[in-house]
């Protein structure tokens, strides 16, 4: 995983470098073309009848030409990123304007190093993050922009992943080290040694679960968009229920599927949705009691298919509900195994499907718990 992060970071750095090189090449080409055209004929049209600005309209980065407080040109990429209106006009009164004004002024003062410009990373009110390069040229200020929102989110997710994992591993590591010291004592009885060995094994298994689930969550949070294709949700859930039936029998619980017919196919990632239902059923089996019922239901709703996994177990106290899908948050009684990441994984997968996990529980004994979400069609 660390290797993958390193590769991702290098990839993003290479993207930035290529962006900078492309901007420089464009500036050189544009300047050469402008000089050549100035010596021969007006610069309005290229020899093939197109225009230089028309070429920039399709560029994979933003370009804006500013003169004073007015926008003389901005390609679609820049307009979308800066939320600029169509056509030429005044710059908007946005929160990033003071930063841009300062960079324009500073770039014009750097006469000792012409062409260097000013470089900045800025996060907009919309939550998007961009890098811009401001350089004055021929009486105007040119702003080149690159949307790095995905990179920022990946870096933040990676840092949060490392911090959370480091925090959660402290306890099992300390426990294992303590019991290894006990096993090394010569005056400890065999019974105590067996107990220490069992404790160390349990903590090692807990660490393995933590690492596996954290790596899985990290892959989800840092990966690009999930590939999707039309999925028959009824067939998928029937397969999950069939797979989970032996576990229900072992726990002496009733498991059933209720599905309306017919239901439309939905654009989704089948493997990840299968993981959602398996995790929710795993939660129900762990926290409910022998004799309880678990019901998976699928029904048509406006804009998609409403899905739910409900049980008749003891329920979740209301004070836990707002935090139940957070990393490592557990409202389970002692002795119930788990990493505290199952619902976090479910919530992240559903977020990638433009859906949201909702957990409902009246909090009274026997009232049960329902996990609900909608898969859009």
Protein backbone atom coordinates (compact mmCIF):
# COMPACT_ATOMS: atom_id res chain seq x y z
CA UNK A 1 0.00 0.00 0.00
CA UNK A 2 2.84 2.38 0.86
CA UNK A 3 4.32 1.65 -2.57
CA UNK A 4 0.99 2.45 -4.18
CA UNK A 5 0.79 5.77 -2.30
CA UNK A 6 4.31 6.62 -3.43
CA UNK A 7 3.38 5.82 -7.02
CA UNK A 8 0.23 7.95 -6.73
CA UNK A 9 2.20 10.88 -5.31
CA UNK A 10 4.80 10.60 -8.07
CA UNK A 11 2.01 10.39 -10.63
CA UNK A 12 0.45 13.60 -9.39
CA UNK A 13 3.86 15.34 -9.32
CA UNK A 14 4.44 14.22 -12.90
CA UNK A 15 1.03 15.55 -13.86
CA UNK A 16 1.92 18.92 -12.38
CA UNK A 17 5.30 18.91 -14.13
CA UNK A 18 3.70 18.02 -17.45
CA UNK A 19 1.13 20.76 -16.91
CA UNK A 20 3.90 23.31 -16.31
CA UNK A 21 5.84 22.14 -19.35
CA UNK A 22 2.70 22.28 -21.47
CA UNK A 23 2.00 25.83 -20.31
CA UNK A 24 5.57 26.88 -21.13
CA UNK A 25 5.42 25.26 -24.55
CA UNK A 26 2.09 26.94 -25.18
CA UNK A 27 3.47 30.30 -24.13
CA UNK A 28 6.52 29.88 -26.38
CA UNK A 29 4.40 28.69 -29.30
CA UNK A 30 1.87 31.44 -28.76
CA UNK A 31 4.57 34.11 -28.55
CA UNK A 32 6.32 32.85 -31.67
CA UNK A 33 3.06 32.65 -33.53
CA UNK A 34 2.06 36.16 -32.40
CA UNK A 35 5.37 37.63 -33.54
CA UNK A 36 5.17 35.84 -36.86
CA UNK A 37 1.62 36.95 -37.49
CA UNK A 38 2.39 40.48 -36.42
CA UNK A 39 5.03 40.68 -39.16
CA UNK A 40 2.69 39.35 -41.82
CA UNK A 41 -1.05 39.73 -41.17
CA UNK A 42 -3.58 40.17 -38.31
CA UNK A 43 -3.53 37.55 -35.58
CA UNK A 44 -7.24 36.94 -35.59
CA UNK A 45 -7.10 33.73 -37.63
CA UNK A 46 -4.73 30.82 -38.00
CA UNK A 47 -3.66 29.77 -41.51
CA UNK A 48 -6.22 26.94 -41.50
CA UNK A 49 -9.05 29.30 -40.62
CA UNK A 50 -9.13 28.39 -36.92
CA UNK A 51 -8.04 30.61 -34.07
CA UNK A 52 -5.50 30.32 -31.28
CA UNK A 53 -8.25 30.85 -28.76
CA UNK A 54 -10.20 28.05 -30.36
CA UNK A 55 -7.27 25.74 -29.68
CA UNK A 56 -7.23 26.82 -26.04
CA UNK A 57 -10.96 26.13 -25.72
CA UNK A 58 -10.21 22.41 -25.79
CA UNK A 59 -7.10 22.54 -23.58
CA UNK A 60 -6.99 20.12 -20.59
CA UNK A 61 -6.24 23.05 -18.27
CA UNK A 62 -7.66 26.50 -17.63
CA UNK A 63 -6.50 29.69 -19.35
CA UNK A 64 -7.75 33.20 -18.60
CA UNK A 65 -6.52 36.54 -19.95
CA UNK A 66 -7.15 39.45 -17.59
CA UNK A 67 -6.86 43.16 -18.21
CA UNK A 68 -7.41 45.30 -15.16
CA UNK A 69 -10.61 44.08 -13.56
CA UNK A 70 -11.97 42.52 -16.75
CA UNK A 71 -11.83 39.04 -18.22
CA UNK A 72 -10.74 39.32 -21.86
CA UNK A 73 -10.75 35.58 -22.44
CA UNK A 74 -11.36 32.40 -20.45
CA UNK A 75 -11.61 28.90 -21.86
CA UNK A 76 -14.40 26.55 -20.68
CA UNK A 77 -12.08 24.82 -18.17
CA UNK A 78 -11.26 28.15 -16.46
CA UNK A 79 -14.87 29.32 -16.51
CA UNK A 80 -16.04 26.08 -14.94
CA UNK A 81 -13.35 26.14 -12.24
CA UNK A 82 -13.68 29.85 -11.39
CA UNK A 83 -17.45 29.97 -12.01
CA UNK A 84 -17.10 32.77 -14.56
CA UNK A 85 -20.05 33.81 -16.72
CA UNK A 86 -19.96 33.34 -20.49
CA UNK A 87 -18.32 36.05 -22.58
CA UNK A 88 -16.09 38.90 -21.48
CA UNK A 89 -16.92 40.86 -18.36
CA UNK A 90 -15.76 41.99 -14.95
CA UNK A 91 -14.07 39.61 -12.54
CA UNK A 92 -16.47 38.28 -9.88
CA UNK A 93 -16.37 39.40 -6.26
CA UNK A 94 -15.24 35.98 -5.05
CA UNK A 95 -13.28 34.93 -1.97
CA UNK A 96 -10.24 34.05 -4.11
CA UNK A 97 -10.05 37.48 -5.76
CA UNK A 98 -7.70 39.09 -3.15
CA UNK A 99 -5.25 36.21 -3.66
CA UNK A 100 -5.37 36.55 -7.41
CA UNK A 101 -4.98 40.34 -7.20
CA UNK A 102 -1.93 39.94 -4.96
CA UNK A 103 -0.38 37.38 -7.31
CA UNK A 104 -0.96 39.60 -10.34
CA UNK A 105 0.69 42.54 -8.62
CA UNK A 106 3.62 40.44 -7.41
CA UNK A 107 4.14 38.90 -10.85
CA UNK A 108 4.38 42.36 -12.43
CA UNK A 109 6.97 43.45 -9.87
CA UNK A 110 9.26 40.51 -10.60
CA UNK A 111 11.00 42.30 -13.47
CA UNK A 112 14.35 40.75 -12.50
CA UNK A 113 13.08 37.33 -13.52
CA UNK A 114 10.73 37.82 -16.45
CA UNK A 115 8.46 34.92 -17.26
CA UNK A 116 8.67 33.37 -13.79
CA UNK A 117 5.23 34.48 -12.63
CA UNK A 118 3.47 33.59 -9.41
CA UNK A 119 2.35 30.10 -8.39
CA UNK A 120 -0.29 29.25 -5.78
CA UNK A 121 -2.59 26.44 -4.60
CA UNK A 122 -6.02 27.71 -3.56
CA UNK A 123 -9.20 26.04 -2.30
CA UNK A 124 -12.46 27.63 -3.42
CA UNK A 125 -15.69 27.93 -1.46
CA UNK A 126 -17.10 25.11 -3.61
CA UNK A 127 -14.54 22.75 -2.07
CA UNK A 128 -12.51 22.45 -5.29
CA UNK A 129 -8.76 22.98 -5.11
CA UNK A 130 -6.77 24.48 -7.97
CA UNK A 131 -3.21 25.46 -8.75
CA UNK A 132 -2.73 28.62 -10.75
CA UNK A 133 0.22 30.27 -12.42
CA UNK A 134 -0.03 34.01 -13.10
CA UNK A 135 2.27 35.66 -15.63
CA UNK A 136 2.05 39.15 -17.19
CA UNK A 137 2.45 39.40 -20.95
CA UNK A 138 1.85 42.16 -23.43
CA UNK A 139 -0.15 44.35 -21.05
CA UNK A 140 -2.36 41.53 -19.77
CA UNK A 141 -2.17 38.95 -17.01
CA UNK A 142 -2.52 35.33 -18.08
CA UNK A 143 -3.72 32.81 -15.51
CA UNK A 144 -3.17 29.09 -16.13
CA UNK A 145 -5.18 26.75 -13.89
CA UNK A 146 -5.21 23.06 -13.06
CA UNK A 147 -7.89 21.34 -10.97
CA UNK A 148 -6.11 19.28 -8.28
CA UNK A 149 -9.16 18.47 -6.14
CA UNK A 150 -8.74 14.71 -6.58
CA UNK A 151 -5.07 14.92 -5.64
CA UNK A 152 -5.84 16.92 -2.49
CA UNK A 153 -8.53 14.48 -1.41
CA UNK A 154 -6.22 11.55 -2.01
CA UNK A 155 -3.45 13.14 0.05
CA UNK A 156 -5.85 14.01 2.89
CA UNK A 157 -7.32 10.51 2.87
CA UNK A 158 -3.83 9.02 2.98
CA UNK A 159 -2.79 11.18 5.94
CA UNK A 160 -6.01 10.38 7.82
CA UNK A 161 -5.53 6.69 7.09
CA UNK A 162 -2.01 6.66 8.53
CA UNK A 163 -3.01 8.70 11.60
CA UNK A 164 -6.03 6.53 12.40
CA UNK A 165 -4.17 3.30 11.83
CA UNK A 166 -1.25 4.40 14.01
CA UNK A 167 -3.64 5.33 16.80
CA UNK A 168 -5.56 2.07 16.66
CA UNK A 169 -2.47 -0.15 16.51
CA UNK A 170 -0.94 1.22 19.71
CA UNK A 171 -3.10 -0.88 22.04
CA UNK A 172 -2.68 -4.30 20.36
CA UNK A 173 1.06 -3.74 19.88
CA UNK A 174 1.50 -2.77 23.55
CA UNK A 175 -0.54 -5.81 24.63
CA UNK A 176 1.49 -8.19 22.48
CA UNK A 177 4.78 -6.78 23.78
CA UNK A 178 3.59 -7.14 27.39
CA UNK A 179 2.62 -10.78 26.96
CA UNK A 180 5.83 -11.56 25.09
CA UNK A 181 7.73 -10.30 28.12
CA UNK A 182 5.61 -12.56 30.34
CA UNK A 183 6.37 -15.54 28.09
CA UNK A 184 10.06 -14.80 28.51
CA UNK A 185 9.95 -15.05 32.31
CA UNK A 186 11.35 -18.28 33.70
CA UNK A 187 9.30 -18.34 36.91
CA UNK A 188 5.87 -18.15 35.23
CA UNK A 189 3.63 -21.19 35.31
CA UNK A 190 2.43 -23.02 32.23
CA UNK A 191 -1.16 -21.84 32.71
CA UNK A 192 -0.10 -18.18 32.74
CA UNK A 193 2.07 -18.76 29.68
CA UNK A 194 -0.88 -20.31 27.81
CA UNK A 195 -3.08 -17.34 28.76
CA UNK A 196 -0.45 -14.85 27.59
CA UNK A 197 -0.02 -16.75 24.35
CA UNK A 198 -3.79 -16.68 23.78
CA UNK A 199 -3.96 -12.93 24.50
CA UNK A 200 -1.07 -12.23 22.14
CA UNK A 201 -2.71 -14.33 19.41
CA UNK A 202 -6.04 -12.50 19.82
CA UNK A 203 -4.34 -9.10 19.55
CA UNK A 204 -2.35 -10.21 16.50
CA UNK A 205 -5.58 -11.30 14.82
CA UNK A 206 -7.15 -7.98 15.75
CA UNK A 207 -4.21 -6.18 14.13
CA UNK A 208 -4.62 -8.28 10.99
CA UNK A 209 -8.31 -7.34 10.77
CA UNK A 210 -7.49 -3.68 11.31
CA UNK A 211 -4.81 -3.67 8.64
CA UNK A 212 -6.93 -5.51 6.08
CA UNK A 213 -9.96 -3.27 6.60
CA UNK A 214 -7.90 -0.08 6.67
CA UNK A 215 -6.11 -1.00 3.47
CA UNK A 216 -9.45 -1.78 1.84
CA UNK A 217 -10.89 1.55 3.00
CA UNK A 218 -7.75 3.34 1.85
CA UNK A 219 -8.02 1.81 -1.61
CA UNK A 220 -11.62 2.94 -1.84
CA UNK A 221 -10.95 6.49 -0.69
CA UNK A 222 -7.94 7.04 -2.93
CA UNK A 223 -9.08 5.17 -6.03
CA UNK A 224 -10.65 6.85 -9.06
CA UNK A 225 -14.35 6.45 -9.75
CA UNK A 226 -15.69 2.91 -9.51
CA UNK A 227 -16.34 1.21 -12.86
CA UNK A 228 -20.04 0.50 -13.30
CA UNK A 229 -22.26 -1.55 -15.52
CA UNK A 230 -25.96 -2.52 -15.44
CA UNK A 231 -26.56 -4.80 -12.46
CA UNK A 232 -29.52 -7.03 -11.64
CA UNK A 233 -29.79 -6.14 -7.96
CA UNK A 234 -32.29 -8.90 -7.19
CA UNK A 235 -29.97 -11.60 -8.54
CA UNK A 236 -27.01 -10.10 -6.70
CA UNK A 237 -28.81 -10.00 -3.35
CA UNK A 238 -30.23 -13.51 -3.84
CA UNK A 239 -26.63 -14.71 -4.23
CA UNK A 240 -25.59 -12.85 -1.05
CA UNK A 241 -28.50 -14.27 0.96
CA UNK A 242 -27.72 -17.80 -0.25
CA UNK A 243 -24.07 -17.32 0.72
CA UNK A 244 -25.06 -16.02 4.19
CA UNK A 245 -27.69 -18.65 5.00
CA UNK A 246 -25.24 -21.09 6.70
CA UNK A 247 -24.13 -18.27 9.01
CA UNK A 248 -27.77 -17.52 9.89
CA UNK A 249 -28.42 -21.19 10.62
CA UNK A 250 -25.32 -21.32 12.81
CA UNK A 251 -26.56 -18.27 14.74
CA UNK A 252 -30.11 -19.74 14.94
CA UNK A 253 -31.54 -16.73 13.13
CA UNK A 254 -34.09 -16.45 10.31
CA UNK A 255 -32.85 -14.81 7.09
CA UNK A 256 -35.17 -13.78 4.27
CA UNK A 257 -35.32 -11.65 1.13
CA UNK A 258 -38.30 -9.51 0.15
CA UNK A 259 -38.10 -8.02 -3.34
CA UNK A 260 -40.62 -6.37 -5.60
CA UNK A 261 -40.82 -7.68 -9.14
CA UNK A 262 -39.86 -6.59 -11.66
CA UNK A 263 -37.06 -4.23 -10.68
CA UNK A 264 -34.90 -2.34 -13.21
CA UNK A 265 -31.19 -2.89 -13.63
CA UNK A 266 -29.07 -0.23 -11.95
CA UNK A 267 -25.66 1.21 -12.97
CA UNK A 268 -23.38 -0.03 -10.23
CA UNK A 269 -20.22 -1.88 -9.30
CA UNK A 270 -21.46 -5.39 -8.55
CA UNK A 271 -18.46 -6.46 -6.44
CA UNK A 272 -18.67 -3.42 -4.20
CA UNK A 273 -22.45 -3.66 -3.76
CA UNK A 274 -22.04 -7.32 -2.85
CA UNK A 275 -19.59 -6.17 -0.17
CA UNK A 276 -22.18 -3.69 1.15
CA UNK A 277 -24.83 -6.36 1.69
CA UNK A 278 -22.32 -8.86 3.12
CA UNK A 279 -21.04 -6.30 5.64
CA UNK A 280 -24.54 -5.28 6.71
CA UNK A 281 -25.57 -8.91 7.16
CA UNK A 282 -22.37 -9.61 9.08
CA UNK A 283 -23.28 -6.78 11.46
CA UNK A 284 -26.77 -8.15 11.94
CA UNK A 285 -25.47 -11.65 12.68
CA UNK A 286 -22.91 -10.38 15.18
CA UNK A 287 -25.18 -8.08 17.17
CA UNK A 288 -28.57 -9.82 17.00
CA UNK A 289 -29.51 -12.84 19.10
CA UNK A 290 -30.58 -16.44 18.46
CA UNK A 291 -34.21 -16.42 17.38
CA UNK A 292 -34.03 -12.95 15.82
CA UNK A 293 -34.98 -12.29 12.19
CA UNK A 294 -32.95 -10.54 9.51
CA UNK A 295 -34.77 -9.28 6.43
CA UNK A 296 -33.24 -7.87 3.26
CA UNK A 297 -35.73 -5.88 1.19
CA UNK A 298 -35.62 -4.30 -2.26
CA UNK A 299 -38.41 -2.09 -3.55
CA UNK A 300 -38.95 0.47 -6.29
CA UNK A 301 -38.76 4.08 -5.24
CA UNK A 302 -38.57 7.39 -7.05
CA UNK A 303 -35.25 7.52 -8.88
CA UNK A 304 -33.97 4.07 -7.98
CA UNK A 305 -34.24 1.02 -5.75
CA UNK A 306 -34.63 1.37 -1.98
CA UNK A 307 -32.57 -1.24 -0.14
CA UNK A 308 -32.64 -2.18 3.52
CA UNK A 309 -31.19 -4.76 5.88
CA UNK A 310 -33.27 -4.93 9.06
CA UNK A 311 -33.09 -7.14 12.14
CA UNK A 312 -35.15 -7.68 15.27
CA UNK A 313 -32.11 -7.51 17.54
CA UNK A 314 -31.52 -5.36 20.62
CA UNK A 315 -31.12 -2.15 18.63
CA UNK A 316 -28.61 0.68 18.96
CA UNK A 317 -28.85 3.35 21.69
CA UNK A 318 -29.73 6.71 20.10
CA UNK A 319 -26.58 8.44 21.39
CA UNK A 320 -24.48 6.16 19.15
CA UNK A 321 -26.41 6.61 15.90
CA UNK A 322 -24.74 9.87 14.71
CA UNK A 323 -21.27 8.26 14.92
CA UNK A 324 -21.96 4.65 14.04
CA UNK A 325 -20.36 4.85 10.55
CA UNK A 326 -17.19 6.62 11.72
CA UNK A 327 -13.87 4.85 11.56
CA UNK A 328 -13.24 2.58 14.54
CA UNK A 329 -16.42 3.70 16.31
CA UNK A 330 -18.01 0.69 17.97
CA UNK A 331 -21.23 0.49 19.94
CA UNK A 332 -20.95 -3.28 20.28
CA UNK A 333 -20.73 -5.08 23.63
CA UNK A 334 -17.41 -6.51 24.69
CA UNK A 335 -16.55 -9.87 23.19
CA UNK A 336 -18.01 -9.07 19.77
CA UNK A 337 -15.19 -9.22 17.22
CA UNK A 338 -14.74 -6.50 14.65
CA UNK A 339 -12.44 -3.74 13.47
CA UNK A 340 -14.97 -0.92 13.74
CA UNK A 341 -14.59 -0.28 10.00
CA UNK A 342 -17.39 -2.36 8.49
CA UNK A 343 -19.92 0.47 8.30
CA UNK A 344 -17.21 2.94 7.23
CA UNK A 345 -16.53 0.71 4.23
CA UNK A 346 -20.25 0.47 3.49
CA UNK A 347 -20.69 4.26 3.71
CA UNK A 348 -17.72 4.90 1.39
CA UNK A 349 -18.93 2.40 -1.23
CA UNK A 350 -22.40 3.95 -1.18
CA UNK A 351 -20.90 7.44 -1.45
CA UNK A 352 -19.17 6.27 -4.63
CA UNK A 353 -22.65 5.29 -5.88
CA UNK A 354 -24.07 8.76 -5.03
CA UNK A 355 -25.97 7.19 -2.16
CA UNK A 356 -25.99 7.57 1.61
CA UNK A 357 -26.17 5.03 4.41
CA UNK A 358 -28.94 5.70 6.94
CA UNK A 359 -29.05 3.72 10.19
CA UNK A 360 -32.36 3.67 12.08
CA UNK A 361 -32.97 2.15 15.50
CA UNK A 362 -35.54 3.14 18.13
CA UNK A 363 -33.01 2.13 20.76
CA UNK A 364 -35.39 -0.08 22.72
CA UNK A 365 -34.73 -3.74 23.45
CA UNK A 366 -36.18 -5.89 20.68
CA UNK A 367 -36.88 -2.89 18.44
CA UNK A 368 -34.11 -3.85 16.07
CA UNK A 369 -31.96 -1.92 13.59
CA UNK A 370 -32.43 -0.99 9.93
CA UNK A 371 -29.66 0.01 7.51
CA UNK A 372 -31.16 1.80 4.49
CA UNK A 373 -29.91 3.31 1.24
CA UNK A 374 -31.07 3.97 -2.34
CA UNK A 375 -29.24 2.85 -5.50
CA UNK A 376 -30.09 5.23 -8.35
CA UNK A 377 -31.20 3.80 -11.66
